[in-house]
Amino acid sequence: MRIVTMRKFLFSIILVVVAVSVYFVRSGRNVERTVVVHDTIYKDTQYITERDTVFYDAQWLRSQFQNSPKAYWKNYGDGYEVGYPEFMNKVLLNKGERNLKVEYHGISLVVSAYDDEFEMSVLEKYEGLNMSAVTKSVAESSFLLAGKCDKNKLFFEKDIKLKGRTWMFLRVEFPRELTRAVDPLLHYVKDYQL
């Protein structure tokens, strides 16, 4: 009789401990946290949930853009090559290998070649595209645009005339608060030459 009573008591204690643990684990998931990201390990959803506010260490991220080895992508049909930090993830590569998209934590670099319907000069193309830009600059064979994508996102783009009706562009989109962190990538786009 005592053994049965002791087993029931121990079983009850274990059940209470498990119930309390489950309660705290579940309630802990609903707590909004602030997470500072220093490394790609945080891409794992067990560390960051939708309710978390995420801040990226801009100094660490800038050093990644400055010092990371480059991966290269070549557009053989149009004859150009683009380098990007190899820690960025390739998202899109299709349409006869004329497009590339790489991204990392809300920062993306898109490279695309396309054939326009009409042949235009650099100035004509610039005039057609510069409406949404805040910052603009025109050169002999290319032009630069920069502005807002949406409420918190900015873009920086370089459009280059390849030949005839064929154009390419490099476009970086990034959260406003990471402007200083992505500066090395913006300089790469700005200084890019075929």
N, C-alpha and C. Protein backbone atom coordinates (compact mmCIF):
# COMPACT_ATOMS: atom_id res chain seq x y z
N MET A 1 0.82 -1.19 0.00
CA MET A 1 0.00 0.00 0.00
C MET A 1 0.87 1.26 0.00
N ARG A 2 1.91 1.24 0.85
CA ARG A 2 2.81 2.39 0.91
C ARG A 2 3.54 2.58 -0.40
N ILE A 3 3.91 1.49 -1.06
CA ILE A 3 4.66 1.58 -2.31
C ILE A 3 3.77 2.20 -3.39
N VAL A 4 2.52 1.82 -3.45
CA VAL A 4 1.58 2.37 -4.43
C VAL A 4 1.37 3.86 -4.17
N THR A 5 1.23 4.24 -2.93
CA THR A 5 1.03 5.63 -2.57
C THR A 5 2.28 6.45 -2.92
N MET A 6 3.46 5.90 -2.65
CA MET A 6 4.71 6.58 -2.97
C MET A 6 4.85 6.76 -4.48
N ARG A 7 4.50 5.75 -5.27
CA ARG A 7 4.57 5.84 -6.74
C ARG A 7 3.62 6.92 -7.25
N LYS A 8 2.41 6.96 -6.69
CA LYS A 8 1.44 7.99 -7.10
C LYS A 8 1.97 9.39 -6.77
N PHE A 9 2.59 9.51 -5.61
CA PHE A 9 3.15 10.79 -5.20
C PHE A 9 4.27 11.22 -6.16
N LEU A 10 5.20 10.31 -6.44
CA LEU A 10 6.30 10.63 -7.35
C LEU A 10 5.78 10.95 -8.76
N PHE A 11 4.83 10.18 -9.23
CA PHE A 11 4.24 10.42 -10.55
C PHE A 11 3.58 11.80 -10.59
N SER A 12 2.90 12.18 -9.51
CA SER A 12 2.24 13.50 -9.44
C SER A 12 3.28 14.62 -9.48
N ILE A 13 4.38 14.44 -8.76
CA ILE A 13 5.45 15.45 -8.74
C ILE A 13 6.04 15.61 -10.14
N ILE A 14 6.33 14.50 -10.79
CA ILE A 14 6.90 14.54 -12.14
C ILE A 14 5.94 15.22 -13.09
N LEU A 15 4.67 14.91 -12.99
CA LEU A 15 3.65 15.52 -13.85
C LEU A 15 3.57 17.03 -13.63
N VAL A 16 3.66 17.48 -12.41
CA VAL A 16 3.63 18.92 -12.10
C VAL A 16 4.87 19.60 -12.67
N VAL A 17 6.04 19.00 -12.52
CA VAL A 17 7.28 19.58 -13.04
C VAL A 17 7.21 19.71 -14.56
N VAL A 18 6.74 18.68 -15.23
CA VAL A 18 6.61 18.71 -16.69
C VAL A 18 5.62 19.80 -17.11
N ALA A 19 4.49 19.90 -16.42
CA ALA A 19 3.48 20.91 -16.77
C ALA A 19 4.03 22.32 -16.58
N VAL A 20 4.74 22.57 -15.50
CA VAL A 20 5.33 23.88 -15.23
C VAL A 20 6.39 24.19 -16.29
N SER A 21 7.22 23.22 -16.67
CA SER A 21 8.25 23.42 -17.70
C SER A 21 7.62 23.78 -19.03
N VAL A 22 6.59 23.06 -19.40
CA VAL A 22 5.90 23.35 -20.67
C VAL A 22 5.30 24.74 -20.63
N TYR A 23 4.72 25.14 -19.53
CA TYR A 23 4.14 26.48 -19.41
C TYR A 23 5.21 27.56 -19.63
N PHE A 24 6.37 27.42 -18.96
CA PHE A 24 7.41 28.42 -19.09
C PHE A 24 8.03 28.44 -20.48
N VAL A 25 8.19 27.29 -21.09
CA VAL A 25 8.74 27.24 -22.46
C VAL A 25 7.79 27.92 -23.43
N ARG A 26 6.50 27.61 -23.31
CA ARG A 26 5.51 28.23 -24.22
C ARG A 26 5.38 29.72 -23.98
N SER A 27 5.35 30.13 -22.73
CA SER A 27 5.23 31.56 -22.45
C SER A 27 6.49 32.30 -22.87
N GLY A 28 7.63 31.67 -22.79
CA GLY A 28 8.89 32.28 -23.21
C GLY A 28 8.93 32.53 -24.71
N ARG A 29 8.23 31.72 -25.50
CA ARG A 29 8.20 31.91 -26.95
C ARG A 29 7.40 33.14 -27.34
N ASN A 30 6.49 33.54 -26.49
CA ASN A 30 5.66 34.70 -26.81
C ASN A 30 6.27 36.02 -26.36
N VAL A 31 7.38 35.95 -25.68
CA VAL A 31 8.04 37.15 -25.19
C VAL A 31 8.83 37.77 -26.34
N GLU A 32 8.64 39.05 -26.56
CA GLU A 32 9.40 39.73 -27.60
C GLU A 32 10.79 40.03 -27.09
N ARG A 33 11.79 39.63 -27.89
CA ARG A 33 13.18 39.83 -27.50
C ARG A 33 13.85 40.78 -28.48
N THR A 34 14.95 41.35 -28.06
CA THR A 34 15.81 42.11 -28.95
C THR A 34 17.05 41.26 -29.16
N VAL A 35 17.35 40.99 -30.42
CA VAL A 35 18.47 40.11 -30.76
C VAL A 35 19.45 40.89 -31.60
N VAL A 36 20.72 40.88 -31.22
CA VAL A 36 21.77 41.50 -32.03
C VAL A 36 22.48 40.38 -32.77
N VAL A 37 22.49 40.49 -34.09
CA VAL A 37 23.05 39.43 -34.92
C VAL A 37 24.50 39.76 -35.28
N HIS A 38 25.40 38.83 -34.96
CA HIS A 38 26.81 38.98 -35.30
C HIS A 38 27.25 37.91 -36.28
N ASP A 39 26.43 36.90 -36.50
CA ASP A 39 26.88 35.77 -37.30
C ASP A 39 25.71 35.10 -38.01
N THR A 40 26.02 34.35 -39.05
CA THR A 40 24.97 33.71 -39.84
C THR A 40 24.29 32.58 -39.10
N ILE A 41 24.80 32.16 -37.95
CA ILE A 41 24.16 31.08 -37.19
C ILE A 41 22.73 31.48 -36.81
N TYR A 42 22.45 32.77 -36.74
CA TYR A 42 21.13 33.24 -36.35
C TYR A 42 20.08 33.04 -37.44
N LYS A 43 20.48 32.56 -38.62
CA LYS A 43 19.50 32.26 -39.65
C LYS A 43 18.61 31.10 -39.21
N ASP A 44 19.08 30.29 -38.28
CA ASP A 44 18.31 29.17 -37.76
C ASP A 44 17.13 29.73 -36.96
N THR A 45 15.93 29.31 -37.28
CA THR A 45 14.73 29.89 -36.65
C THR A 45 14.63 29.58 -35.16
N GLN A 46 15.41 28.65 -34.66
CA GLN A 46 15.33 28.39 -33.23
C GLN A 46 15.87 29.58 -32.43
N TYR A 47 16.68 30.42 -33.05
CA TYR A 47 17.23 31.58 -32.35
C TYR A 47 16.37 32.82 -32.53
N ILE A 48 15.82 33.02 -33.71
CA ILE A 48 15.04 34.23 -33.99
C ILE A 48 13.63 33.84 -34.40
N THR A 49 12.65 34.43 -33.74
CA THR A 49 11.25 34.17 -34.10
C THR A 49 10.68 35.43 -34.74
N GLU A 50 9.48 35.33 -35.25
CA GLU A 50 8.84 36.48 -35.90
C GLU A 50 8.58 37.62 -34.92
N ARG A 51 8.47 37.31 -33.65
CA ARG A 51 8.17 38.34 -32.65
C ARG A 51 9.41 39.09 -32.19
N ASP A 52 10.59 38.60 -32.54
CA ASP A 52 11.82 39.23 -32.09
C ASP A 52 12.14 40.47 -32.91
N THR A 53 12.70 41.47 -32.26
CA THR A 53 13.22 42.64 -32.95
C THR A 53 14.70 42.37 -33.20
N VAL A 54 15.11 42.43 -34.45
CA VAL A 54 16.47 42.05 -34.81
C VAL A 54 17.26 43.28 -35.22
N PHE A 55 18.41 43.46 -34.61
CA PHE A 55 19.35 44.50 -34.99
C PHE A 55 20.63 43.82 -35.46
N TYR A 56 21.20 44.30 -36.53
CA TYR A 56 22.44 43.74 -37.02
C TYR A 56 23.59 44.63 -36.57
N ASP A 57 24.65 44.02 -36.15
CA ASP A 57 25.84 44.75 -35.74
C ASP A 57 26.46 45.34 -37.01
N ALA A 58 26.24 46.62 -37.24
CA ALA A 58 26.65 47.27 -38.50
C ALA A 58 28.15 47.24 -38.70
N GLN A 59 28.92 47.39 -37.64
CA GLN A 59 30.38 47.37 -37.78
C GLN A 59 30.85 45.98 -38.20
N TRP A 60 30.32 44.94 -37.57
CA TRP A 60 30.67 43.57 -37.94
C TRP A 60 30.28 43.29 -39.39
N LEU A 61 29.05 43.71 -39.76
CA LEU A 61 28.55 43.45 -41.11
C LEU A 61 29.39 44.19 -42.15
N ARG A 62 29.78 45.42 -41.86
CA ARG A 62 30.62 46.18 -42.78
C ARG A 62 31.96 45.47 -43.00
N SER A 63 32.54 44.95 -41.93
CA SER A 63 33.81 44.24 -42.09
C SER A 63 33.62 42.98 -42.93
N GLN A 64 32.45 42.35 -42.84
CA GLN A 64 32.17 41.18 -43.68
C GLN A 64 32.14 41.58 -45.16
N PHE A 65 31.49 42.70 -45.46
CA PHE A 65 31.43 43.16 -46.85
C PHE A 65 32.81 43.60 -47.35
N GLN A 66 33.64 44.14 -46.47
CA GLN A 66 34.97 44.58 -46.88
C GLN A 66 35.94 43.42 -47.06
N ASN A 67 35.90 42.45 -46.16
CA ASN A 67 36.96 41.45 -46.09
C ASN A 67 36.59 40.07 -46.60
N SER A 68 35.33 39.82 -46.88
CA SER A 68 34.92 38.49 -47.32
C SER A 68 35.49 38.18 -48.70
N PRO A 69 35.92 36.94 -48.91
CA PRO A 69 36.35 36.55 -50.26
C PRO A 69 35.17 36.70 -51.23
N LYS A 70 35.48 36.95 -52.48
CA LYS A 70 34.44 37.15 -53.48
C LYS A 70 34.15 35.86 -54.23
N ALA A 71 32.89 35.65 -54.53
CA ALA A 71 32.46 34.61 -55.46
C ALA A 71 32.17 35.35 -56.76
N TYR A 72 32.30 34.69 -57.87
CA TYR A 72 32.10 35.35 -59.16
C TYR A 72 31.03 34.64 -59.96
N TRP A 73 30.24 35.44 -60.65
CA TRP A 73 29.19 34.95 -61.54
C TRP A 73 29.43 35.56 -62.90
N LYS A 74 29.40 34.74 -63.92
CA LYS A 74 29.67 35.22 -65.27
C LYS A 74 28.46 35.05 -66.16
N ASN A 75 28.12 36.11 -66.86
CA ASN A 75 27.07 36.08 -67.87
C ASN A 75 27.79 35.89 -69.21
N TYR A 76 27.83 34.65 -69.68
CA TYR A 76 28.60 34.34 -70.89
C TYR A 76 27.97 34.95 -72.14
N GLY A 77 26.64 34.97 -72.21
CA GLY A 77 25.96 35.50 -73.40
C GLY A 77 26.22 36.98 -73.62
N ASP A 78 26.25 37.75 -72.54
CA ASP A 78 26.45 39.20 -72.66
C ASP A 78 27.88 39.62 -72.36
N GLY A 79 28.69 38.69 -71.89
CA GLY A 79 30.12 38.93 -71.73
C GLY A 79 30.54 39.80 -70.57
N TYR A 80 30.00 39.58 -69.40
CA TYR A 80 30.48 40.31 -68.22
C TYR A 80 30.52 39.39 -67.01
N GLU A 81 31.29 39.79 -66.01
CA GLU A 81 31.42 39.03 -64.78
C GLU A 81 31.19 39.97 -63.60
N VAL A 82 30.53 39.45 -62.58
CA VAL A 82 30.23 40.24 -61.38
C VAL A 82 30.71 39.47 -60.16
N GLY A 83 31.36 40.18 -59.25
CA GLY A 83 31.78 39.58 -57.99
C GLY A 83 30.83 39.99 -56.88
N TYR A 84 30.67 39.10 -55.91
CA TYR A 84 29.84 39.42 -54.74
C TYR A 84 30.43 38.70 -53.54
N PRO A 85 30.21 39.20 -52.32
CA PRO A 85 30.75 38.54 -51.13
C PRO A 85 30.20 37.12 -51.04
N GLU A 86 31.08 36.15 -50.86
CA GLU A 86 30.64 34.76 -50.93
C GLU A 86 29.74 34.35 -49.78
N PHE A 87 29.65 35.13 -48.71
CA PHE A 87 28.73 34.77 -47.62
C PHE A 87 27.27 35.07 -47.98
N MET A 88 27.04 35.82 -49.05
CA MET A 88 25.67 36.10 -49.48
C MET A 88 25.11 34.85 -50.17
N ASN A 89 23.82 34.63 -49.99
CA ASN A 89 23.16 33.44 -50.52
C ASN A 89 22.59 33.69 -51.90
N LYS A 90 22.86 32.79 -52.83
CA LYS A 90 22.31 32.89 -54.18
C LYS A 90 20.84 32.52 -54.11
N VAL A 91 19.96 33.41 -54.58
CA VAL A 91 18.52 33.20 -54.51
C VAL A 91 17.95 32.88 -55.87
N LEU A 92 18.38 33.59 -56.88
CA LEU A 92 17.76 33.48 -58.18
C LEU A 92 18.82 33.44 -59.27
N LEU A 93 18.73 32.48 -60.14
CA LEU A 93 19.62 32.39 -61.28
C LEU A 93 18.84 31.68 -62.37
N ASN A 94 18.26 32.45 -63.29
CA ASN A 94 17.44 31.84 -64.33
C ASN A 94 17.40 32.70 -65.58
N LYS A 95 16.42 32.46 -66.42
CA LYS A 95 16.23 33.18 -67.68
C LYS A 95 17.51 33.16 -68.52
N GLY A 96 18.01 31.97 -68.81
CA GLY A 96 19.19 31.86 -69.65
C GLY A 96 20.43 32.46 -69.02
N GLU A 97 20.49 32.43 -67.70
CA GLU A 97 21.64 32.94 -66.96
C GLU A 97 21.93 34.41 -67.22
N ARG A 98 20.88 35.20 -67.39
CA ARG A 98 21.06 36.65 -67.56
C ARG A 98 20.76 37.39 -66.27
N ASN A 99 20.34 36.67 -65.23
CA ASN A 99 19.97 37.30 -63.96
C ASN A 99 20.61 36.58 -62.78
N LEU A 100 20.96 37.35 -61.79
CA LEU A 100 21.49 36.80 -60.54
C LEU A 100 20.94 37.63 -59.39
N LYS A 101 20.57 36.94 -58.31
CA LYS A 101 20.19 37.65 -57.09
C LYS A 101 20.86 36.94 -55.93
N VAL A 102 21.55 37.72 -55.10
CA VAL A 102 22.14 37.19 -53.87
C VAL A 102 21.65 38.07 -52.73
N GLU A 103 21.50 37.47 -51.54
CA GLU A 103 21.02 38.27 -50.41
C GLU A 103 21.58 37.77 -49.10
N TYR A 104 21.48 38.65 -48.11
CA TYR A 104 21.91 38.33 -46.76
C TYR A 104 21.16 39.24 -45.80
N HIS A 105 20.32 38.68 -44.96
CA HIS A 105 19.59 39.42 -43.92
C HIS A 105 18.94 40.71 -44.43
N GLY A 106 18.15 40.63 -45.50
CA GLY A 106 17.44 41.81 -46.00
C GLY A 106 18.24 42.69 -46.93
N ILE A 107 19.48 42.34 -47.20
CA ILE A 107 20.32 43.08 -48.14
C ILE A 107 20.40 42.22 -49.40
N SER A 108 20.09 42.81 -50.55
CA SER A 108 20.15 42.02 -51.78
C SER A 108 20.93 42.76 -52.86
N LEU A 109 21.57 41.97 -53.71
CA LEU A 109 22.24 42.46 -54.90
C LEU A 109 21.63 41.73 -56.07
N VAL A 110 21.07 42.50 -57.00
CA VAL A 110 20.47 41.93 -58.20
C VAL A 110 21.28 42.40 -59.40
N VAL A 111 21.62 41.46 -60.26
CA VAL A 111 22.34 41.77 -61.49
C VAL A 111 21.50 41.20 -62.62
N SER A 112 21.25 42.00 -63.65
CA SER A 112 20.40 41.53 -64.74
C SER A 112 20.80 42.17 -66.05
N ALA A 113 20.76 41.38 -67.11
CA ALA A 113 20.93 41.90 -68.46
C ALA A 113 19.59 41.71 -69.17
N TYR A 114 19.26 42.65 -70.02
CA TYR A 114 17.97 42.55 -70.73
C TYR A 114 18.06 43.33 -72.04
N ASP A 115 17.16 42.99 -72.95
CA ASP A 115 17.07 43.69 -74.22
C ASP A 115 15.85 44.59 -74.17
N ASP A 116 16.07 45.88 -74.40
CA ASP A 116 15.00 46.86 -74.40
C ASP A 116 14.22 46.77 -75.71
N GLU A 117 13.00 47.23 -75.69
CA GLU A 117 12.17 47.21 -76.90
C GLU A 117 12.71 48.15 -77.96
N PHE A 118 13.21 49.29 -77.53
CA PHE A 118 13.74 50.29 -78.46
C PHE A 118 15.20 50.59 -78.13
N GLU A 119 15.96 50.97 -79.13
CA GLU A 119 17.34 51.39 -78.89
C GLU A 119 17.31 52.82 -78.36
N MET A 120 17.99 53.05 -77.23
CA MET A 120 18.02 54.36 -76.59
C MET A 120 19.46 54.73 -76.24
N SER A 121 19.69 56.01 -76.16
CA SER A 121 20.98 56.48 -75.66
C SER A 121 20.95 56.37 -74.13
N VAL A 122 22.10 56.52 -73.52
CA VAL A 122 22.19 56.48 -72.06
C VAL A 122 21.32 57.59 -71.46
N LEU A 123 21.37 58.78 -72.05
CA LEU A 123 20.59 59.90 -71.53
C LEU A 123 19.09 59.64 -71.65
N GLU A 124 18.64 59.06 -72.76
CA GLU A 124 17.21 58.75 -72.93
C GLU A 124 16.75 57.72 -71.90
N LYS A 125 17.53 56.69 -71.70
CA LYS A 125 17.19 55.65 -70.71
C LYS A 125 17.17 56.25 -69.31
N TYR A 126 18.16 57.07 -69.01
CA TYR A 126 18.24 57.74 -67.71
C TYR A 126 17.00 58.59 -67.46
N GLU A 127 16.59 59.35 -68.47
CA GLU A 127 15.40 60.21 -68.33
C GLU A 127 14.15 59.37 -68.07
N GLY A 128 14.09 58.18 -68.67
CA GLY A 128 12.93 57.32 -68.47
C GLY A 128 12.87 56.66 -67.11
N LEU A 129 14.01 56.46 -66.47
CA LEU A 129 14.05 55.72 -65.20
C LEU A 129 14.27 56.57 -63.96
N ASN A 130 14.66 57.81 -64.09
CA ASN A 130 15.09 58.57 -62.90
C ASN A 130 13.98 59.18 -62.07
N MET A 131 12.72 58.96 -62.43
CA MET A 131 11.60 59.59 -61.70
C MET A 131 11.57 59.22 -60.22
N SER A 132 11.84 57.94 -59.89
CA SER A 132 11.73 57.51 -58.49
C SER A 132 13.01 57.72 -57.70
N ALA A 133 14.05 58.22 -58.35
CA ALA A 133 15.35 58.35 -57.68
C ALA A 133 15.49 59.70 -56.99
N VAL A 134 16.23 59.70 -55.92
CA VAL A 134 16.54 60.92 -55.19
C VAL A 134 17.92 61.42 -55.62
N THR A 135 18.86 60.51 -55.77
CA THR A 135 20.21 60.83 -56.19
C THR A 135 20.42 60.29 -57.59
N LYS A 136 21.01 61.09 -58.47
CA LYS A 136 21.17 60.70 -59.87
C LYS A 136 22.53 61.17 -60.38
N SER A 137 23.09 60.39 -61.32
CA SER A 137 24.36 60.75 -61.92
C SER A 137 24.47 60.05 -63.27
N VAL A 138 24.88 60.78 -64.31
CA VAL A 138 24.97 60.22 -65.66
C VAL A 138 26.42 60.28 -66.14
N ALA A 139 26.88 59.18 -66.75
CA ALA A 139 28.20 59.12 -67.37
C ALA A 139 28.01 58.78 -68.85
N GLU A 140 29.10 58.53 -69.56
CA GLU A 140 29.03 58.28 -71.00
C GLU A 140 28.28 56.99 -71.34
N SER A 141 28.56 55.90 -70.61
CA SER A 141 27.92 54.62 -70.94
C SER A 141 27.09 54.04 -69.80
N SER A 142 26.87 54.82 -68.74
CA SER A 142 26.11 54.32 -67.60
C SER A 142 25.50 55.48 -66.82
N PHE A 143 24.62 55.13 -65.88
CA PHE A 143 24.10 56.13 -64.95
C PHE A 143 23.80 55.47 -63.62
N LEU A 144 23.78 56.28 -62.57
CA LEU A 144 23.52 55.82 -61.21
C LEU A 144 22.21 56.40 -60.71
N LEU A 145 21.47 55.60 -59.96
CA LEU A 145 20.24 56.05 -59.32
C LEU A 145 20.25 55.57 -57.87
N ALA A 146 19.68 56.34 -56.97
CA ALA A 146 19.54 55.93 -55.58
C ALA A 146 18.25 56.53 -55.05
N GLY A 147 17.57 55.81 -54.17
CA GLY A 147 16.33 56.32 -53.61
C GLY A 147 15.69 55.32 -52.67
N LYS A 148 14.38 55.48 -52.45
CA LYS A 148 13.62 54.63 -51.53
C LYS A 148 12.89 53.54 -52.32
N CYS A 149 12.92 52.31 -51.76
CA CYS A 149 12.09 51.22 -52.30
C CYS A 149 10.74 51.23 -51.61
N ASP A 150 10.78 51.34 -50.30
CA ASP A 150 9.57 51.44 -49.49
C ASP A 150 9.90 52.22 -48.24
N LYS A 151 9.06 52.14 -47.24
CA LYS A 151 9.19 52.95 -46.03
C LYS A 151 10.58 52.87 -45.39
N ASN A 152 11.14 51.67 -45.29
CA ASN A 152 12.40 51.52 -44.59
C ASN A 152 13.54 51.01 -45.47
N LYS A 153 13.30 50.79 -46.75
CA LYS A 153 14.32 50.21 -47.62
C LYS A 153 14.79 51.19 -48.67
N LEU A 154 16.10 51.19 -48.92
CA LEU A 154 16.71 52.06 -49.91
C LEU A 154 17.28 51.21 -51.05
N PHE A 155 17.53 51.86 -52.20
CA PHE A 155 18.18 51.16 -53.29
C PHE A 155 19.30 52.02 -53.86
N PHE A 156 20.27 51.34 -54.46
CA PHE A 156 21.36 52.00 -55.18
C PHE A 156 21.57 51.16 -56.43
N GLU A 157 21.56 51.81 -57.60
CA GLU A 157 21.56 51.07 -58.85
C GLU A 157 22.49 51.70 -59.88
N LYS A 158 23.16 50.85 -60.64
CA LYS A 158 23.96 51.31 -61.77
C LYS A 158 23.44 50.60 -63.02
N ASP A 159 23.04 51.39 -64.02
CA ASP A 159 22.58 50.86 -65.30
C ASP A 159 23.67 51.12 -66.34
N ILE A 160 24.00 50.10 -67.11
CA ILE A 160 25.09 50.19 -68.08
C ILE A 160 24.58 49.75 -69.45
N LYS A 161 24.86 50.55 -70.45
CA LYS A 161 24.50 50.16 -71.81
C LYS A 161 25.59 49.23 -72.33
N LEU A 162 25.20 48.00 -72.70
CA LEU A 162 26.16 47.04 -73.21
C LEU A 162 26.39 47.25 -74.71
N LYS A 163 25.31 47.22 -75.48
CA LYS A 163 25.38 47.47 -76.93
C LYS A 163 23.95 47.54 -77.47
N GLY A 164 23.75 48.35 -78.48
CA GLY A 164 22.43 48.45 -79.12
C GLY A 164 21.30 48.60 -78.13
N ARG A 165 20.43 47.58 -78.07
CA ARG A 165 19.29 47.59 -77.16
C ARG A 165 19.56 46.83 -75.85
N THR A 166 20.76 46.32 -75.69
CA THR A 166 21.08 45.47 -74.53
C THR A 166 21.67 46.30 -73.39
N TRP A 167 21.04 46.15 -72.22
CA TRP A 167 21.43 46.85 -71.00
C TRP A 167 21.67 45.85 -69.89
N MET A 168 22.37 46.29 -68.88
CA MET A 168 22.49 45.52 -67.64
C MET A 168 22.38 46.50 -66.47
N PHE A 169 21.97 45.96 -65.34
CA PHE A 169 22.00 46.79 -64.13
C PHE A 169 22.46 45.97 -62.94
N LEU A 170 23.06 46.67 -61.99
CA LEU A 170 23.41 46.13 -60.68
C LEU A 170 22.61 46.96 -59.68
N ARG A 171 21.85 46.30 -58.83
CA ARG A 171 20.98 47.03 -57.88
C ARG A 171 21.14 46.42 -56.49
N VAL A 172 21.43 47.28 -55.52
CA VAL A 172 21.52 46.86 -54.12
C VAL A 172 20.30 47.44 -53.40
N GLU A 173 19.57 46.58 -52.68
CA GLU A 173 18.46 47.03 -51.83
C GLU A 173 18.83 46.67 -50.40
N PHE A 174 18.57 47.60 -49.47
CA PHE A 174 19.02 47.38 -48.09
C PHE A 174 18.18 48.21 -47.13
N PRO A 175 18.05 47.73 -45.86
CA PRO A 175 17.36 48.53 -44.84
C PRO A 175 18.14 49.81 -44.57
N ARG A 176 17.42 50.88 -44.37
CA ARG A 176 18.02 52.21 -44.15
C ARG A 176 19.08 52.19 -43.05
N GLU A 177 18.80 51.48 -41.96
CA GLU A 177 19.74 51.50 -40.82
C GLU A 177 21.06 50.79 -41.12
N LEU A 178 21.13 50.05 -42.22
CA LEU A 178 22.37 49.35 -42.57
C LEU A 178 23.15 50.06 -43.68
N THR A 179 22.85 51.34 -43.92
CA THR A 179 23.52 52.08 -44.98
C THR A 179 25.04 52.06 -44.81
N ARG A 180 25.52 52.33 -43.62
CA ARG A 180 26.97 52.34 -43.40
C ARG A 180 27.55 50.95 -43.56
N ALA A 181 26.83 49.93 -43.14
CA ALA A 181 27.33 48.55 -43.23
C ALA A 181 27.50 48.10 -44.67
N VAL A 182 26.58 48.51 -45.56
CA VAL A 182 26.65 48.04 -46.96
C VAL A 182 27.47 48.97 -47.85
N ASP A 183 28.07 49.99 -47.28
CA ASP A 183 28.84 50.95 -48.06
C ASP A 183 29.88 50.30 -48.99
N PRO A 184 30.63 49.28 -48.53
CA PRO A 184 31.58 48.64 -49.46
C PRO A 184 30.90 48.02 -50.69
N LEU A 185 29.70 47.47 -50.50
CA LEU A 185 28.96 46.90 -51.62
C LEU A 185 28.47 48.00 -52.56
N LEU A 186 28.06 49.13 -52.00
CA LEU A 186 27.62 50.26 -52.81
C LEU A 186 28.78 50.81 -53.64
N HIS A 187 29.97 50.86 -53.04
CA HIS A 187 31.14 51.32 -53.79
C HIS A 187 31.50 50.36 -54.92
N TYR A 188 31.32 49.07 -54.67
CA TYR A 188 31.58 48.08 -55.72
C TYR A 188 30.66 48.35 -56.91
N VAL A 189 29.38 48.57 -56.64
CA VAL A 189 28.42 48.85 -57.72
C VAL A 189 28.77 50.15 -58.43
N LYS A 190 29.05 51.18 -57.67
CA LYS A 190 29.38 52.48 -58.24
C LYS A 190 30.60 52.41 -59.15
N ASP A 191 31.62 51.69 -58.72
CA ASP A 191 32.88 51.62 -59.46
C ASP A 191 32.92 50.49 -60.49
N TYR A 192 31.84 49.71 -60.59
CA TYR A 192 31.85 48.55 -61.48
C TYR A 192 32.10 48.95 -62.93
N GLN A 193 33.03 48.26 -63.57
CA GLN A 193 33.33 48.45 -64.98
C GLN A 193 33.23 47.09 -65.66
N LEU A 194 32.81 47.10 -66.91
CA LEU A 194 32.73 45.85 -67.67
C LEU A 194 34.12 45.32 -67.94
